[in-house]
Each structure stands twice: as C-alpha cells, then as structure tokens.
Amino acid sequence: MNSSEKYQLIPACMARLLGIFIPFMNELYEMRYQFDRTYFFDSSKFENYFKFTPSRYADGEKQIVSDW
C-alpha cells in the first residue's frame, strides 16, 4: 500500500541456470535478444517468396469480431 515497488534484474547467466528448473525462464533466456538490443523484423523475403500480403490490423479485428 504505502511501500515502494521493488524489483531486481536477473542476469543472463542466472536466467540460464533457472531455465533448467523453470521452463519459462529458459524461454526468457532464448528470447533476450529482443530486449537487449534494437530488433527489427522484416518479412519482405517471406512475402515475396510466398506471394503473401499481410492483413491490416483493422481488417483482422473485423474478421475476429465477425467470426465470434
């Protein structure tokens, strides 16, 4: 209530060690590259190879609502 929130960062080596016992921590260790450096996602090769056009978010939301 009137206490300050306390948190600690877990070093990568500790997350790796805890991942032996806690599967979620192993996943965090494997996905850490998304948090510790700039991460850019480019799907242009996939789109060109498979002739795929991604849906816009608005269209996807409408589809989900209509299927619900």
N, C-alpha and C. Protein backbone atom coordinates (compact mmCIF):
# COMPACT_ATOMS: atom_id res chain seq x y z
N MET A 1 0.82 -1.19 0.00
CA MET A 1 0.00 0.00 0.00
C MET A 1 0.87 1.26 0.00
N ASN A 2 1.53 1.53 1.10
CA ASN A 2 2.39 2.71 1.16
C ASN A 2 3.86 2.34 1.00
N SER A 3 4.14 1.26 0.32
CA SER A 3 5.53 0.85 0.12
C SER A 3 5.92 1.06 -1.34
N SER A 4 7.19 1.31 -1.53
CA SER A 4 7.66 1.48 -2.89
C SER A 4 7.84 0.11 -3.53
N GLU A 5 7.61 0.03 -4.82
CA GLU A 5 7.76 -1.24 -5.52
C GLU A 5 9.24 -1.56 -5.66
N LYS A 6 9.60 -2.79 -5.41
CA LYS A 6 10.99 -3.21 -5.51
C LYS A 6 11.10 -4.28 -6.59
N TYR A 7 12.13 -4.17 -7.39
CA TYR A 7 12.37 -5.18 -8.41
C TYR A 7 13.86 -5.35 -8.61
N GLN A 8 14.22 -6.47 -9.18
CA GLN A 8 15.62 -6.75 -9.47
C GLN A 8 15.71 -7.31 -10.88
N LEU A 9 16.82 -7.03 -11.53
CA LEU A 9 17.07 -7.60 -12.84
C LEU A 9 17.79 -8.93 -12.66
N ILE A 10 17.45 -9.88 -13.49
CA ILE A 10 18.10 -11.18 -13.44
C ILE A 10 19.17 -11.23 -14.52
N PRO A 11 20.41 -11.45 -14.16
CA PRO A 11 21.46 -11.56 -15.17
C PRO A 11 21.20 -12.75 -16.10
N ALA A 12 21.73 -12.69 -17.30
CA ALA A 12 21.51 -13.74 -18.30
C ALA A 12 21.97 -15.11 -17.79
N CYS A 13 23.10 -15.14 -17.10
CA CYS A 13 23.59 -16.43 -16.60
C CYS A 13 22.63 -17.03 -15.56
N MET A 14 22.00 -16.18 -14.76
CA MET A 14 21.05 -16.66 -13.76
C MET A 14 19.78 -17.17 -14.43
N ALA A 15 19.33 -16.46 -15.48
CA ALA A 15 18.14 -16.90 -16.21
C ALA A 15 18.42 -18.25 -16.86
N ARG A 16 19.64 -18.43 -17.37
CA ARG A 16 20.03 -19.71 -17.98
C ARG A 16 20.00 -20.83 -16.94
N LEU A 17 20.54 -20.56 -15.77
CA LEU A 17 20.57 -21.55 -14.71
C LEU A 17 19.15 -21.89 -14.23
N LEU A 18 18.34 -20.87 -14.02
CA LEU A 18 16.96 -21.10 -13.58
C LEU A 18 16.14 -21.82 -14.66
N GLY A 19 16.54 -21.65 -15.91
CA GLY A 19 15.83 -22.30 -17.01
C GLY A 19 15.89 -23.81 -16.95
N ILE A 20 16.85 -24.35 -16.22
CA ILE A 20 16.93 -25.81 -16.03
C ILE A 20 15.72 -26.29 -15.24
N PHE A 21 15.28 -25.48 -14.29
CA PHE A 21 14.19 -25.87 -13.40
C PHE A 21 12.85 -25.23 -13.76
N ILE A 22 12.90 -24.05 -14.38
CA ILE A 22 11.68 -23.30 -14.70
C ILE A 22 11.68 -23.06 -16.22
N PRO A 23 10.86 -23.79 -16.97
CA PRO A 23 10.88 -23.68 -18.44
C PRO A 23 10.68 -22.24 -18.94
N PHE A 24 9.86 -21.48 -18.26
CA PHE A 24 9.61 -20.09 -18.68
C PHE A 24 10.89 -19.27 -18.67
N MET A 25 11.74 -19.50 -17.67
CA MET A 25 13.00 -18.76 -17.59
C MET A 25 13.92 -19.14 -18.75
N ASN A 26 13.86 -20.38 -19.19
CA ASN A 26 14.64 -20.80 -20.34
C ASN A 26 14.17 -20.05 -21.59
N GLU A 27 12.86 -19.90 -21.73
CA GLU A 27 12.32 -19.16 -22.87
C GLU A 27 12.75 -17.70 -22.81
N LEU A 28 12.75 -17.11 -21.63
CA LEU A 28 13.20 -15.73 -21.49
C LEU A 28 14.66 -15.59 -21.91
N TYR A 29 15.47 -16.56 -21.52
CA TYR A 29 16.88 -16.52 -21.89
C TYR A 29 17.03 -16.58 -23.41
N GLU A 30 16.27 -17.46 -24.06
CA GLU A 30 16.37 -17.61 -25.51
C GLU A 30 15.86 -16.38 -26.26
N MET A 31 14.92 -15.65 -25.68
CA MET A 31 14.33 -14.50 -26.36
C MET A 31 14.93 -13.18 -25.91
N ARG A 32 16.00 -13.20 -25.14
CA ARG A 32 16.57 -11.96 -24.58
C ARG A 32 17.06 -11.00 -25.65
N TYR A 33 17.40 -11.50 -26.85
CA TYR A 33 17.88 -10.62 -27.91
C TYR A 33 16.84 -9.56 -28.28
N GLN A 34 15.58 -9.83 -28.03
CA GLN A 34 14.54 -8.86 -28.34
C GLN A 34 14.50 -7.72 -27.33
N PHE A 35 15.12 -7.90 -26.19
CA PHE A 35 15.07 -6.90 -25.13
C PHE A 35 16.37 -6.14 -24.93
N ASP A 36 17.50 -6.72 -25.32
CA ASP A 36 18.77 -6.08 -25.01
C ASP A 36 19.43 -5.38 -26.19
N ARG A 37 18.77 -5.38 -27.34
CA ARG A 37 19.30 -4.65 -28.50
C ARG A 37 18.16 -4.28 -29.43
N THR A 38 18.44 -3.41 -30.35
CA THR A 38 17.42 -3.00 -31.30
C THR A 38 17.03 -4.20 -32.15
N TYR A 39 15.75 -4.41 -32.31
CA TYR A 39 15.24 -5.59 -33.00
C TYR A 39 14.32 -5.13 -34.12
N PHE A 40 14.69 -5.45 -35.34
CA PHE A 40 13.88 -5.10 -36.50
C PHE A 40 13.36 -6.38 -37.14
N PHE A 41 12.11 -6.38 -37.49
CA PHE A 41 11.51 -7.53 -38.15
C PHE A 41 11.15 -7.12 -39.57
N ASP A 42 11.65 -7.87 -40.53
CA ASP A 42 11.38 -7.59 -41.94
C ASP A 42 10.88 -8.87 -42.59
N SER A 43 9.67 -8.85 -43.06
CA SER A 43 9.09 -10.05 -43.67
C SER A 43 9.05 -9.96 -45.19
N SER A 44 9.80 -9.06 -45.79
CA SER A 44 9.73 -8.86 -47.24
C SER A 44 10.15 -10.11 -48.02
N LYS A 45 11.17 -10.84 -47.57
CA LYS A 45 11.58 -12.06 -48.28
C LYS A 45 10.47 -13.10 -48.25
N PHE A 46 9.84 -13.28 -47.10
CA PHE A 46 8.73 -14.22 -46.97
C PHE A 46 7.58 -13.82 -47.88
N GLU A 47 7.22 -12.53 -47.84
CA GLU A 47 6.11 -12.04 -48.66
C GLU A 47 6.38 -12.22 -50.15
N ASN A 48 7.60 -11.94 -50.58
CA ASN A 48 7.93 -12.09 -52.00
C ASN A 48 7.98 -13.55 -52.42
N TYR A 49 8.55 -14.42 -51.60
CA TYR A 49 8.69 -15.82 -51.96
C TYR A 49 7.34 -16.52 -52.04
N PHE A 50 6.48 -16.27 -51.05
CA PHE A 50 5.19 -16.94 -50.98
C PHE A 50 4.04 -16.13 -51.58
N LYS A 51 4.35 -14.97 -52.15
CA LYS A 51 3.31 -14.09 -52.72
C LYS A 51 2.22 -13.84 -51.68
N PHE A 52 2.66 -13.45 -50.51
CA PHE A 52 1.78 -13.28 -49.35
C PHE A 52 1.63 -11.80 -49.05
N THR A 53 0.41 -11.37 -48.81
CA THR A 53 0.15 -9.99 -48.39
C THR A 53 -0.47 -10.03 -46.99
N PRO A 54 0.20 -9.46 -46.01
CA PRO A 54 -0.36 -9.49 -44.65
C PRO A 54 -1.63 -8.65 -44.54
N SER A 55 -2.48 -9.06 -43.62
CA SER A 55 -3.71 -8.33 -43.37
C SER A 55 -3.42 -7.11 -42.51
N ARG A 56 -4.21 -6.06 -42.70
CA ARG A 56 -4.10 -4.91 -41.82
C ARG A 56 -4.75 -5.26 -40.49
N TYR A 57 -4.31 -4.62 -39.41
CA TYR A 57 -4.88 -4.89 -38.10
C TYR A 57 -6.39 -4.65 -38.08
N ALA A 58 -6.82 -3.57 -38.69
CA ALA A 58 -8.26 -3.24 -38.69
C ALA A 58 -9.05 -4.36 -39.37
N ASP A 59 -8.54 -4.88 -40.49
CA ASP A 59 -9.24 -5.97 -41.18
C ASP A 59 -9.26 -7.24 -40.33
N GLY A 60 -8.14 -7.53 -39.67
CA GLY A 60 -8.07 -8.71 -38.80
C GLY A 60 -9.04 -8.60 -37.64
N GLU A 61 -9.14 -7.43 -37.05
CA GLU A 61 -10.07 -7.23 -35.94
C GLU A 61 -11.50 -7.43 -36.39
N LYS A 62 -11.83 -6.90 -37.56
CA LYS A 62 -13.20 -7.09 -38.09
C LYS A 62 -13.49 -8.56 -38.33
N GLN A 63 -12.52 -9.29 -38.86
CA GLN A 63 -12.70 -10.72 -39.10
C GLN A 63 -12.90 -11.49 -37.81
N ILE A 64 -12.12 -11.15 -36.79
CA ILE A 64 -12.27 -11.83 -35.49
C ILE A 64 -13.65 -11.57 -34.90
N VAL A 65 -14.10 -10.32 -34.96
CA VAL A 65 -15.41 -9.98 -34.40
C VAL A 65 -16.53 -10.67 -35.17
N SER A 66 -16.40 -10.74 -36.49
CA SER A 66 -17.45 -11.38 -37.28
C SER A 66 -17.48 -12.90 -37.07
N ASP A 67 -16.34 -13.51 -36.78
CA ASP A 67 -16.28 -14.95 -36.52
C ASP A 67 -16.72 -15.30 -35.11
N TRP A 68 -16.71 -14.34 -34.23
CA TRP A 68 -17.04 -14.58 -32.83
C TRP A 68 -18.49 -14.90 -32.74
